[in-house]
PDB file of all heavy atoms in Angstrom:
ATOM      1  N   GLU A   1      16.498  36.932 104.992  1.00  0.00           N
ATOM      2  CA  GLU A   1      15.977  35.843 104.138  1.00  0.00           C
ATOM      3  C   GLU A   1      17.062  35.350 103.155  1.00  0.00           C
ATOM      4  O   GLU A   1      16.992  34.168 102.723  1.00  0.00           O
ATOM      5  CB  GLU A   1      14.729  36.332 103.350  1.00  0.00           C
ATOM      6  CG  GLU A   1      13.617  36.913 104.203  1.00  0.00           C
ATOM      7  CD  GLU A   1      13.068  35.934 105.255  1.00  0.00           C
ATOM      8  OE1 GLU A   1      13.735  34.997 105.665  1.00  0.00           O
ATOM      9  OE2 GLU A   1      11.914  36.149 105.707  1.00  0.00           O
ATOM     10  N   ARG A   2      17.998  36.210 102.780  1.00  0.00           N
ATOM     11  CA  ARG A   2      19.139  35.733 101.985  1.00  0.00           C
ATOM     12  C   ARG A   2      19.910  34.692 102.758  1.00  0.00           C
ATOM     13  O   ARG A   2      20.272  33.614 102.228  1.00  0.00           O
ATOM     14  CB  ARG A   2      20.096  36.873 101.681  1.00  0.00           C
ATOM     15  CG  ARG A   2      19.769  37.821 100.582  1.00  0.00           C
ATOM     16  CD  ARG A   2      20.178  37.373  99.175  1.00  0.00           C
ATOM     17  NE  ARG A   2      19.418  36.198  98.751  1.00  0.00           N
ATOM     18  CZ  ARG A   2      19.939  35.004  98.486  1.00  0.00           C
ATOM     19  NH1 ARG A   2      21.242  34.796  98.586  1.00  0.00           N
ATOM     20  NH2 ARG A   2      19.211  33.988  98.111  1.00  0.00           N
ATOM     21  N   ILE A   3      20.127  34.933 104.038  1.00  0.00           N
ATOM     22  CA  ILE A   3      20.863  33.990 104.888  1.00  0.00           C
ATOM     23  C   ILE A   3      20.042  32.707 105.069  1.00  0.00           C
ATOM     24  O   ILE A   3      20.539  31.604 104.911  1.00  0.00           O
ATOM     25  CB  ILE A   3      21.187  34.631 106.262  1.00  0.00           C
ATOM     26  CG1 ILE A   3      22.243  35.740 106.076  1.00  0.00           C
ATOM     27  CG2 ILE A   3      21.672  33.567 107.241  1.00  0.00           C
ATOM     28  CD1 ILE A   3      22.438  36.579 107.323  1.00  0.00           C
ATOM     29  N   ALA A   4      18.718  32.857 105.299  1.00  0.00           N
ATOM     30  CA  ALA A   4      17.853  31.727 105.470  1.00  0.00           C
ATOM     31  C   ALA A   4      17.843  30.859 104.226  1.00  0.00           C
ATOM     32  O   ALA A   4      17.887  29.628 104.305  1.00  0.00           O
ATOM     33  CB  ALA A   4      16.427  32.179 105.829  1.00  0.00           C
ATOM     34  N   ALA A   5      17.801  31.492 103.046  1.00  0.00           N
ATOM     35  CA  ALA A   5      17.780  30.738 101.824  1.00  0.00           C
ATOM     36  C   ALA A   5      19.115  30.044 101.628  1.00  0.00           C
ATOM     37  O   ALA A   5      19.148  28.875 101.129  1.00  0.00           O
ATOM     38  CB  ALA A   5      17.517  31.679 100.646  1.00  0.00           C
ATOM     39  N   THR A   6      20.209  30.689 101.920  1.00  0.00           N
ATOM     40  CA  THR A   6      21.545  30.078 101.762  1.00  0.00           C
ATOM     41  C   THR A   6      21.684  28.848 102.665  1.00  0.00           C
ATOM     42  O   THR A   6      22.150  27.771 102.235  1.00  0.00           O
ATOM     43  CB  THR A   6      22.603  31.105 102.063  1.00  0.00           C
ATOM     44  OG1 THR A   6      22.512  32.214 101.216  1.00  0.00           O
ATOM     45  CG2 THR A   6      24.024  30.491 101.889  1.00  0.00           C
ATOM     46  N   GLU A   7      21.235  29.015 103.901  1.00  0.00           N
ATOM     47  CA  GLU A   7      21.290  27.887 104.844  1.00  0.00           C
ATOM     48  C   GLU A   7      20.390  26.737 104.437  1.00  0.00           C
ATOM     49  O   GLU A   7      20.757  25.573 104.443  1.00  0.00           O
ATOM     50  CB  GLU A   7      21.035  28.355 106.265  1.00  0.00           C
ATOM     51  CG  GLU A   7      22.101  29.243 106.832  1.00  0.00           C
ATOM     52  CD  GLU A   7      21.851  29.622 108.292  1.00  0.00           C
ATOM     53  OE1 GLU A   7      20.728  29.338 108.814  1.00  0.00           O
ATOM     54  OE2 GLU A   7      22.735  30.200 108.910  1.00  0.00           O
ATOM     55  N   ALA A   8      19.136  27.090 104.151  1.00  0.00           N
ATOM     56  CA  ALA A   8      18.125  26.069 103.816  1.00  0.00           C
ATOM     57  C   ALA A   8      18.525  25.309 102.579  1.00  0.00           C
ATOM     58  O   ALA A   8      18.366  24.076 102.499  1.00  0.00           O
ATOM     59  CB  ALA A   8      16.758  26.697 103.706  1.00  0.00           C
ATOM     60  N   SER A   9      18.916  26.044 101.562  1.00  0.00           N
ATOM     61  CA  SER A   9      19.312  25.374 100.287  1.00  0.00           C
ATOM     62  C   SER A   9      20.490  24.427 100.467  1.00  0.00           C
ATOM     63  O   SER A   9      20.598  23.410  99.806  1.00  0.00           O
ATOM     64  CB  SER A   9      19.602  26.399  99.160  1.00  0.00           C
ATOM     65  OG  SER A   9      20.717  27.192  99.510  1.00  0.00           O
ATOM     66  N   ALA A  10      21.367  24.791 101.412  1.00  0.00           N
ATOM     67  CA  ALA A  10      22.513  23.919 101.733  1.00  0.00           C
ATOM     68  C   ALA A  10      22.049  22.592 102.370  1.00  0.00           C
ATOM     69  O   ALA A  10      22.804  21.629 102.397  1.00  0.00           O
ATOM     70  CB  ALA A  10      23.503  24.625 102.628  1.00  0.00           C
ATOM     71  N   TYR A  11      20.864  22.609 102.918  1.00  0.00           N
ATOM     72  CA  TYR A  11      20.260  21.392 103.540  1.00  0.00           C
ATOM     73  C   TYR A  11      19.358  20.690 102.550  1.00  0.00           C
ATOM     74  O   TYR A  11      18.510  19.841 102.981  1.00  0.00           O
ATOM     75  CB  TYR A  11      19.499  21.740 104.809  1.00  0.00           C
ATOM     76  CG  TYR A  11      20.430  21.876 106.024  1.00  0.00           C
ATOM     77  CD1 TYR A  11      21.289  22.953 106.207  1.00  0.00           C
ATOM     78  CD2 TYR A  11      20.476  20.887 106.986  1.00  0.00           C
ATOM     79  CE1 TYR A  11      22.099  23.024 107.294  1.00  0.00           C
ATOM     80  CE2 TYR A  11      21.258  20.943 108.126  1.00  0.00           C
ATOM     81  CZ  TYR A  11      22.106  22.035 108.243  1.00  0.00           C
ATOM     82  OH  TYR A  11      22.922  22.136 109.369  1.00  0.00           O
ATOM     83  N   GLY A  12      19.413  21.035 101.268  1.00  0.00           N
ATOM     84  CA  GLY A  12      18.640  20.288 100.283  1.00  0.00           C
ATOM     85  C   GLY A  12      17.249  20.841 100.034  1.00  0.00           C
ATOM     86  O   GLY A  12      16.475  20.207  99.282  1.00  0.00           O
ATOM     87  N   ILE A  13      16.886  21.965 100.619  1.00  0.00           N
ATOM     88  CA  ILE A  13      15.532  22.488 100.490  1.00  0.00           C
ATOM     89  C   ILE A  13      15.455  23.400  99.262  1.00  0.00           C
ATOM     90  O   ILE A  13      16.346  24.239  99.015  1.00  0.00           O
ATOM     91  CB  ILE A  13      15.160  23.269 101.816  1.00  0.00           C
ATOM     92  CG1 ILE A  13      15.112  22.303 102.988  1.00  0.00           C
ATOM     93  CG2 ILE A  13      13.839  24.031 101.631  1.00  0.00           C
ATOM     94  CD1 ILE A  13      15.069  23.022 104.335  1.00  0.00           C
ATOM     95  N   HIS A  14      14.363  23.260  98.534  1.00  0.00           N
ATOM     96  CA  HIS A  14      14.128  24.019  97.302  1.00  0.00           C
ATOM     97  C   HIS A  14      13.135  25.185  97.496  1.00  0.00           C
ATOM     98  O   HIS A  14      13.104  26.089  96.678  1.00  0.00           O
ATOM     99  CB  HIS A  14      13.570  23.121  96.188  1.00  0.00           C
ATOM    100  CG  HIS A  14      14.338  21.907  95.944  1.00  0.00           C
ATOM    101  ND1 HIS A  14      13.777  20.665  95.657  1.00  0.00           N
ATOM    102  CD2 HIS A  14      15.726  21.713  95.883  1.00  0.00           C
ATOM    103  CE1 HIS A  14      14.690  19.785  95.485  1.00  0.00           C
ATOM    104  NE2 HIS A  14      15.868  20.363  95.577  1.00  0.00           N
ATOM    105  N   TRP A  15      12.327  25.094  98.547  1.00  0.00           N
ATOM    106  CA  TRP A  15      11.075  25.874  98.555  1.00  0.00           C
ATOM    107  C   TRP A  15      10.670  26.162 100.001  1.00  0.00           C
ATOM    108  O   TRP A  15      10.670  25.263 100.857  1.00  0.00           O
ATOM    109  CB  TRP A  15      10.012  25.024  97.840  1.00  0.00           C
ATOM    110  CG  TRP A  15       8.639  25.553  97.746  1.00  0.00           C
ATOM    111  CD1 TRP A  15       8.160  26.809  97.893  1.00  0.00           C
ATOM    112  CD2 TRP A  15       7.471  24.731  97.440  1.00  0.00           C
ATOM    113  NE1 TRP A  15       6.816  26.850  97.714  1.00  0.00           N
ATOM    114  CE2 TRP A  15       6.364  25.606  97.391  1.00  0.00           C
ATOM    115  CE3 TRP A  15       7.273  23.402  97.157  1.00  0.00           C
ATOM    116  CZ2 TRP A  15       5.064  25.124  97.156  1.00  0.00           C
ATOM    117  CZ3 TRP A  15       6.028  22.903  96.912  1.00  0.00           C
ATOM    118  CH2 TRP A  15       4.921  23.786  96.882  1.00  0.00           C
ATOM    119  N   THR A  16      10.399  27.423 100.281  1.00  0.00           N
ATOM    120  CA  THR A  16       9.907  27.765 101.633  1.00  0.00           C
ATOM    121  C   THR A  16       8.467  28.192 101.520  1.00  0.00           C
ATOM    122  O   THR A  16       8.035  28.820 100.571  1.00  0.00           O
ATOM    123  CB  THR A  16      10.715  28.890 102.266  1.00  0.00           C
ATOM    124  OG1 THR A  16      10.100  29.232 103.520  1.00  0.00           O
ATOM    125  CG2 THR A  16      10.740  30.152 101.432  1.00  0.00           C
ATOM    126  N   PHE A  17       7.688  27.877 102.573  1.00  0.00           N
ATOM    127  CA  PHE A  17       6.317  28.319 102.645  1.00  0.00           C
ATOM    128  C   PHE A  17       6.276  29.653 103.402  1.00  0.00           C
ATOM    129  O   PHE A  17       5.728  29.797 104.513  1.00  0.00           O
ATOM    130  CB  PHE A  17       5.465  27.263 103.326  1.00  0.00           C
ATOM    131  CG  PHE A  17       5.536  25.909 102.670  1.00  0.00           C
ATOM    132  CD1 PHE A  17       5.996  24.809 103.351  1.00  0.00           C
ATOM    133  CD2 PHE A  17       5.165  25.769 101.341  1.00  0.00           C
ATOM    134  CE1 PHE A  17       6.124  23.566 102.723  1.00  0.00           C
ATOM    135  CE2 PHE A  17       5.288  24.553 100.711  1.00  0.00           C
ATOM    136  CZ  PHE A  17       5.746  23.438 101.395  1.00  0.00           C
ATOM    137  N   ALA A  18       6.860  30.631 102.788  1.00  0.00           N
ATOM    138  CA  ALA A  18       6.966  31.955 103.311  1.00  0.00           C
ATOM    139  C   ALA A  18       7.240  32.876 102.134  1.00  0.00           C
ATOM    140  O   ALA A  18       7.816  32.416 101.097  1.00  0.00           O
ATOM    141  CB  ALA A  18       8.073  32.072 104.395  1.00  0.00           C
ATOM    142  N   PRO A  19       6.909  34.181 102.206  1.00  0.00           N
ATOM    143  CA  PRO A  19       6.452  34.894 103.409  1.00  0.00           C
ATOM    144  C   PRO A  19       4.934  34.855 103.620  1.00  0.00           C
ATOM    145  O   PRO A  19       4.183  34.765 102.640  1.00  0.00           O
ATOM    146  CB  PRO A  19       6.895  36.340 103.120  1.00  0.00           C
ATOM    147  CG  PRO A  19       6.724  36.454 101.632  1.00  0.00           C
ATOM    148  CD  PRO A  19       7.160  35.118 101.063  1.00  0.00           C
ATOM    149  N   MET A  20       4.523  34.921 104.867  1.00  0.00           N
ATOM    150  CA  MET A  20       3.098  35.166 105.135  1.00  0.00           C
ATOM    151  C   MET A  20       2.860  36.657 105.035  1.00  0.00           C
ATOM    152  O   MET A  20       3.455  37.436 105.778  1.00  0.00           O
ATOM    153  CB  MET A  20       2.746  34.683 106.589  1.00  0.00           C
ATOM    154  CG  MET A  20       1.268  34.745 106.832  1.00  0.00           C
ATOM    155  SD  MET A  20       0.778  34.355 108.547  1.00  0.00           S
ATOM    156  CE  MET A  20       0.706  36.040 109.212  1.00  0.00           C
ATOM    157  N   VAL A  21       2.006  37.055 104.106  1.00  0.00           N
ATOM    158  CA  VAL A  21       1.738  38.450 103.880  1.00  0.00           C
ATOM    159  C   VAL A  21       0.315  38.833 104.321  1.00  0.00           C
ATOM    160  O   VAL A  21      -0.198  39.858 103.882  1.00  0.00           O
ATOM    161  CB  VAL A  21       2.034  38.857 102.413  1.00  0.00           C
ATOM    162  CG1 VAL A  21       3.487  38.693 102.099  1.00  0.00           C
ATOM    163  CG2 VAL A  21       1.164  38.075 101.430  1.00  0.00           C
ATOM    164  N   ASP A  22      -0.255  38.001 105.150  1.00  0.00           N
ATOM    165  CA  ASP A  22      -1.608  38.317 105.646  1.00  0.00           C
ATOM    166  C   ASP A  22      -1.558  39.576 106.511  1.00  0.00           C
ATOM    167  O   ASP A  22      -0.712  39.738 107.369  1.00  0.00           O
ATOM    168  CB  ASP A  22      -2.124  37.178 106.544  1.00  0.00           C
ATOM    169  CG  ASP A  22      -2.317  35.882 105.735  1.00  0.00           C
ATOM    170  OD1 ASP A  22      -3.063  35.938 104.719  1.00  0.00           O
ATOM    171  OD2 ASP A  22      -1.729  34.857 106.150  1.00  0.00           O
ATOM    172  N   ILE A  23      -2.540  40.479 106.260  1.00  0.00           N
ATOM    173  CA  ILE A  23      -2.701  41.636 107.132  1.00  0.00           C
ATOM    174  C   ILE A  23      -3.536  41.171 108.375  1.00  0.00           C
ATOM    175  O   ILE A  23      -4.546  40.499 108.211  1.00  0.00           O
ATOM    176  CB  ILE A  23      -3.428  42.755 106.399  1.00  0.00           C
ATOM    177  CG1 ILE A  23      -2.646  43.184 105.144  1.00  0.00           C
ATOM    178  CG2 ILE A  23      -3.679  43.984 107.316  1.00  0.00           C
ATOM    179  CD1 ILE A  23      -1.244  43.602 105.385  1.00  0.00           C
ATOM    180  N   ALA A  24      -3.080  41.520 109.541  1.00  0.00           N
ATOM    181  CA  ALA A  24      -3.649  41.039 110.782  1.00  0.00           C
ATOM    182  C   ALA A  24      -3.933  42.191 111.757  1.00  0.00           C
ATOM    183  O   ALA A  24      -3.005  42.886 112.149  1.00  0.00           O
ATOM    184  CB  ALA A  24      -2.763  40.037 111.441  1.00  0.00           C
ATOM    185  N   ARG A  25      -5.193  42.373 112.077  1.00  0.00           N
ATOM    186  CA  ARG A  25      -5.572  43.478 112.958  1.00  0.00           C
ATOM    187  C   ARG A  25      -6.051  42.940 114.311  1.00  0.00           C
ATOM    188  O   ARG A  25      -6.508  43.737 115.130  1.00  0.00           O
ATOM    189  CB  ARG A  25      -6.729  44.250 112.288  1.00  0.00           C
ATOM    190  CG  ARG A  25      -6.282  45.007 111.033  1.00  0.00           C
ATOM    191  CD  ARG A  25      -7.480  45.596 110.322  1.00  0.00           C
ATOM    192  NE  ARG A  25      -7.075  46.595 109.340  1.00  0.00           N
ATOM    193  CZ  ARG A  25      -7.911  47.274 108.578  1.00  0.00           C
ATOM    194  NH1 ARG A  25      -9.221  47.021 108.628  1.00  0.00           N
ATOM    195  NH2 ARG A  25      -7.478  48.198 107.729  1.00  0.00           N
ATOM    196  N   ASP A  26      -5.973  41.646 114.535  1.00  0.00           N
ATOM    197  CA  ASP A  26      -6.518  41.047 115.767  1.00  0.00           C
ATOM    198  C   ASP A  26      -5.430  40.247 116.409  1.00  0.00           C
ATOM    199  O   ASP A  26      -5.124  39.129 116.000  1.00  0.00           O
ATOM    200  CB  ASP A  26      -7.703  40.184 115.414  1.00  0.00           C
ATOM    201  CG  ASP A  26      -8.503  39.731 116.642  1.00  0.00           C
ATOM    202  OD1 ASP A  26      -7.901  39.588 117.735  1.00  0.00           O
ATOM    203  OD2 ASP A  26      -9.703  39.454 116.533  1.00  0.00           O
ATOM    204  N   PRO A  27      -4.839  40.722 117.517  1.00  0.00           N
ATOM    205  CA  PRO A  27      -3.744  39.980 118.139  1.00  0.00           C
ATOM    206  C   PRO A  27      -4.166  38.719 118.848  1.00  0.00           C
ATOM    207  O   PRO A  27      -3.285  37.901 119.252  1.00  0.00           O
ATOM    208  CB  PRO A  27      -3.190  40.963 119.166  1.00  0.00           C
ATOM    209  CG  PRO A  27      -4.303  41.910 119.449  1.00  0.00           C
ATOM    210  CD  PRO A  27      -5.113  41.996 118.161  1.00  0.00           C
ATOM    211  N   ARG A  28      -5.459  38.436 118.958  1.00  0.00           N
ATOM    212  CA  ARG A  28      -5.850  37.161 119.477  1.00  0.00           C
ATOM    213  C   ARG A  28      -5.494  36.008 118.531  1.00  0.00           C
ATOM    214  O   ARG A  28      -5.298  34.879 118.936  1.00  0.00           O
ATOM    215  CB  ARG A  28      -7.393  37.146 119.694  1.00  0.00           C
ATOM    216  CG  ARG A  28      -7.856  38.099 120.814  1.00  0.00           C
ATOM    217  CD  ARG A  28      -9.365  38.176 120.895  1.00  0.00           C
ATOM    218  NE  ARG A  28      -9.932  38.702 119.637  1.00  0.00           N
ATOM    219  CZ  ARG A  28     -11.271  38.878 119.455  1.00  0.00           C
ATOM    220  NH1 ARG A  28     -12.111  38.569 120.409  1.00  0.00           N
ATOM    221  NH2 ARG A  28     -11.704  39.383 118.293  1.00  0.00           N
ATOM    222  N   TRP A  29      -5.402  36.364 117.264  1.00  0.00           N
ATOM    223  CA  TRP A  29      -4.973  35.368 116.213  1.00  0.00           C
ATOM    224  C   TRP A  29      -3.478  35.091 116.397  1.00  0.00           C
ATOM    225  O   TRP A  29      -2.627  35.994 116.240  1.00  0.00           O
ATOM    226  CB  TRP A  29      -5.275  35.936 114.851  1.00  0.00           C
ATOM    227  CG  TRP A  29      -5.047  34.954 113.731  1.00  0.00           C
ATOM    228  CD1 TRP A  29      -5.537  33.700 113.616  1.00  0.00           C
ATOM    229  CD2 TRP A  29      -4.286  35.172 112.535  1.00  0.00           C
ATOM    230  NE1 TRP A  29      -5.161  33.121 112.450  1.00  0.00           N
ATOM    231  CE2 TRP A  29      -4.372  34.018 111.763  1.00  0.00           C
ATOM    232  CE3 TRP A  29      -3.558  36.275 112.046  1.00  0.00           C
ATOM    233  CZ2 TRP A  29      -3.768  33.892 110.517  1.00  0.00           C
ATOM    234  CZ3 TRP A  29      -2.929  36.173 110.805  1.00  0.00           C
ATOM    235  CH2 TRP A  29      -3.041  34.958 110.067  1.00  0.00           C
ATOM    236  N   GLY A  30      -3.117  33.826 116.725  1.00  0.00           N
ATOM    237  CA  GLY A  30      -1.753  33.501 117.014  1.00  0.00           C
ATOM    238  C   GLY A  30      -0.767  33.710 115.886  1.00  0.00           C
ATOM    239  O   GLY A  30       0.426  33.902 116.125  1.00  0.00           O
ATOM    240  N   ARG A  31      -1.273  33.697 114.679  1.00  0.00           N
ATOM    241  CA  ARG A  31      -0.343  33.809 113.524  1.00  0.00           C
ATOM    242  C   ARG A  31       0.096  35.231 113.207  1.00  0.00           C
ATOM    243  O   ARG A  31       0.818  35.428 112.259  1.00  0.00           O
ATOM    244  CB  ARG A  31      -0.901  33.069 112.319  1.00  0.00           C
ATOM    245  CG  ARG A  31      -1.159  31.614 112.543  1.00  0.00           C
ATOM    246  CD  ARG A  31      -1.343  30.827 111.290  1.00  0.00           C
ATOM    247  NE  ARG A  31      -0.113  30.465 110.625  1.00  0.00           N
ATOM    248  CZ  ARG A  31      -0.021  29.500 109.698  1.00  0.00           C
ATOM    249  NH1 ARG A  31      -1.104  28.817 109.328  1.00  0.00           N
ATOM    250  NH2 ARG A  31       1.140  29.200 109.149  1.00  0.00           N
ATOM    251  N   VAL A  32      -0.330  36.198 114.050  1.00  0.00           N
ATOM    252  CA  VAL A  32       0.217  37.533 113.864  1.00  0.00           C
ATOM    253  C   VAL A  32       1.758  37.486 113.963  1.00  0.00           C
ATOM    254  O   VAL A  32       2.437  38.324 113.368  1.00  0.00           O
ATOM    255  CB  VAL A  32      -0.370  38.547 114.846  1.00  0.00           C
ATOM    256  CG1 VAL A  32      -1.873  38.690 114.676  1.00  0.00           C
ATOM    257  CG2 VAL A  32      -0.052  38.197 116.303  1.00  0.00           C
ATOM    258  N   MET A  33       2.310  36.529 114.737  1.00  0.00           N
ATOM    259  CA  MET A  33       3.760  36.447 114.883  1.00  0.00           C
ATOM    260  C   MET A  33       4.449  36.175 113.591  1.00  0.00           C
ATOM    261  O   MET A  33       5.638  36.459 113.438  1.00  0.00           O
ATOM    262  CB  MET A  33       4.124  35.381 115.914  1.00  0.00           C
ATOM    263  CG  MET A  33       3.695  33.953 115.626  1.00  0.00           C
ATOM    264  SD  MET A  33       4.575  33.015 114.370  1.00  0.00           S
ATOM    265  CE  MET A  33       6.237  33.064 114.956  1.00  0.00           C
ATOM    266  N   GLU A  34       3.747  35.632 112.622  1.00  0.00           N
ATOM    267  CA  GLU A  34       4.345  35.212 111.349  1.00  0.00           C
ATOM    268  C   GLU A  34       4.312  36.240 110.276  1.00  0.00           C
ATOM    269  O   GLU A  34       4.862  36.049 109.205  1.00  0.00           O
ATOM    270  CB  GLU A  34       3.625  33.911 110.902  1.00  0.00           C
ATOM    271  CG  GLU A  34       4.355  33.055 109.920  1.00  0.00           C
ATOM    272  CD  GLU A  34       3.569  31.787 109.606  1.00  0.00           C
ATOM    273  OE1 GLU A  34       2.719  31.373 110.371  1.00  0.00           O
ATOM    274  OE2 GLU A  34       3.816  31.254 108.499  1.00  0.00           O
ATOM    275  N   GLY A  35       3.639  37.350 110.537  1.00  0.00           N
ATOM    276  CA  GLY A  35       3.441  38.343 109.507  1.00  0.00           C
ATOM    277  C   GLY A  35       4.074  39.679 109.859  1.00  0.00           C
ATOM    278  O   GLY A  35       4.933  39.797 110.694  1.00  0.00           O
ATOM    279  N   ALA A  36       3.554  40.762 109.194  1.00  0.00           N
ATOM    280  CA  ALA A  36       4.165  42.081 109.356  1.00  0.00           C
ATOM    281  C   ALA A  36       3.208  43.030 110.046  1.00  0.00           C
ATOM    282  O   ALA A  36       3.452  44.267 110.047  1.00  0.00           O
ATOM    283  CB  ALA A  36       4.587  42.648 108.017  1.00  0.00           C
ATOM    284  N   GLY A  37       2.084  42.553 110.588  1.00  0.00           N
ATOM    285  CA  GLY A  37       1.250  43.407 111.349  1.00  0.00           C
ATOM    286  C   GLY A  37      -0.006  43.913 110.630  1.00  0.00           C
ATOM    287  O   GLY A  37      -0.530  43.187 109.726  1.00  0.00           O
ATOM    288  N   GLU A  38      -0.519  45.067 110.996  1.00  0.00           N
ATOM    289  CA  GLU A  38      -1.809  45.478 110.606  1.00  0.00           C
ATOM    290  C   GLU A  38      -1.930  46.395 109.389  1.00  0.00           C
ATOM    291  O   GLU A  38      -2.980  46.617 108.876  1.00  0.00           O
ATOM    292  CB  GLU A  38      -2.464  46.253 111.790  1.00  0.00           C
ATOM    293  CG  GLU A  38      -1.860  47.658 112.032  1.00  0.00           C
ATOM    294  CD  GLU A  38      -2.358  48.307 113.264  1.00  0.00           C
ATOM    295  OE1 GLU A  38      -2.384  47.629 114.334  1.00  0.00           O
ATOM    296  OE2 GLU A  38      -2.756  49.473 113.234  1.00  0.00           O
ATOM    297  N   ASP A  39      -0.758  46.864 108.880  1.00  0.00           N
ATOM    298  CA  ASP A  39      -0.805  47.864 107.832  1.00  0.00           C
ATOM    299  C   ASP A  39      -0.522  47.298 106.480  1.00  0.00           C
ATOM    300  O   ASP A  39       0.473  46.601 106.266  1.00  0.00           O
ATOM    301  CB  ASP A  39       0.176  48.983 108.114  1.00  0.00           C
ATOM    302  CG  ASP A  39       0.070  50.111 107.135  1.00  0.00           C
ATOM    303  OD1 ASP A  39      -0.969  50.831 107.138  1.00  0.00           O
ATOM    304  OD2 ASP A  39       0.975  50.263 106.303  1.00  0.00           O
ATOM    305  N   THR A  40      -1.380  47.619 105.507  1.00  0.00           N
ATOM    306  CA  THR A  40      -1.209  47.124 104.151  1.00  0.00           C
ATOM    307  C   THR A  40       0.050  47.588 103.466  1.00  0.00           C
ATOM    308  O   THR A  40       0.762  46.824 102.807  1.00  0.00           O
ATOM    309  CB  THR A  40      -2.446  47.519 103.305  1.00  0.00           C
ATOM    310  OG1 THR A  40      -3.645  47.013 103.966  1.00  0.00           O
ATOM    311  CG2 THR A  40      -2.362  46.929 101.890  1.00  0.00           C
TER     312      THR A  40
END
């Protein structure tokens, strides 16, 4: 995320809509890919 911030800010971006910290216990939900899994 340090690298992502460095690259993104160099492209004029101030703000990211991340991290997704949702706890997800159902892999049918497609956005499990965006989080850290099932454990709090």
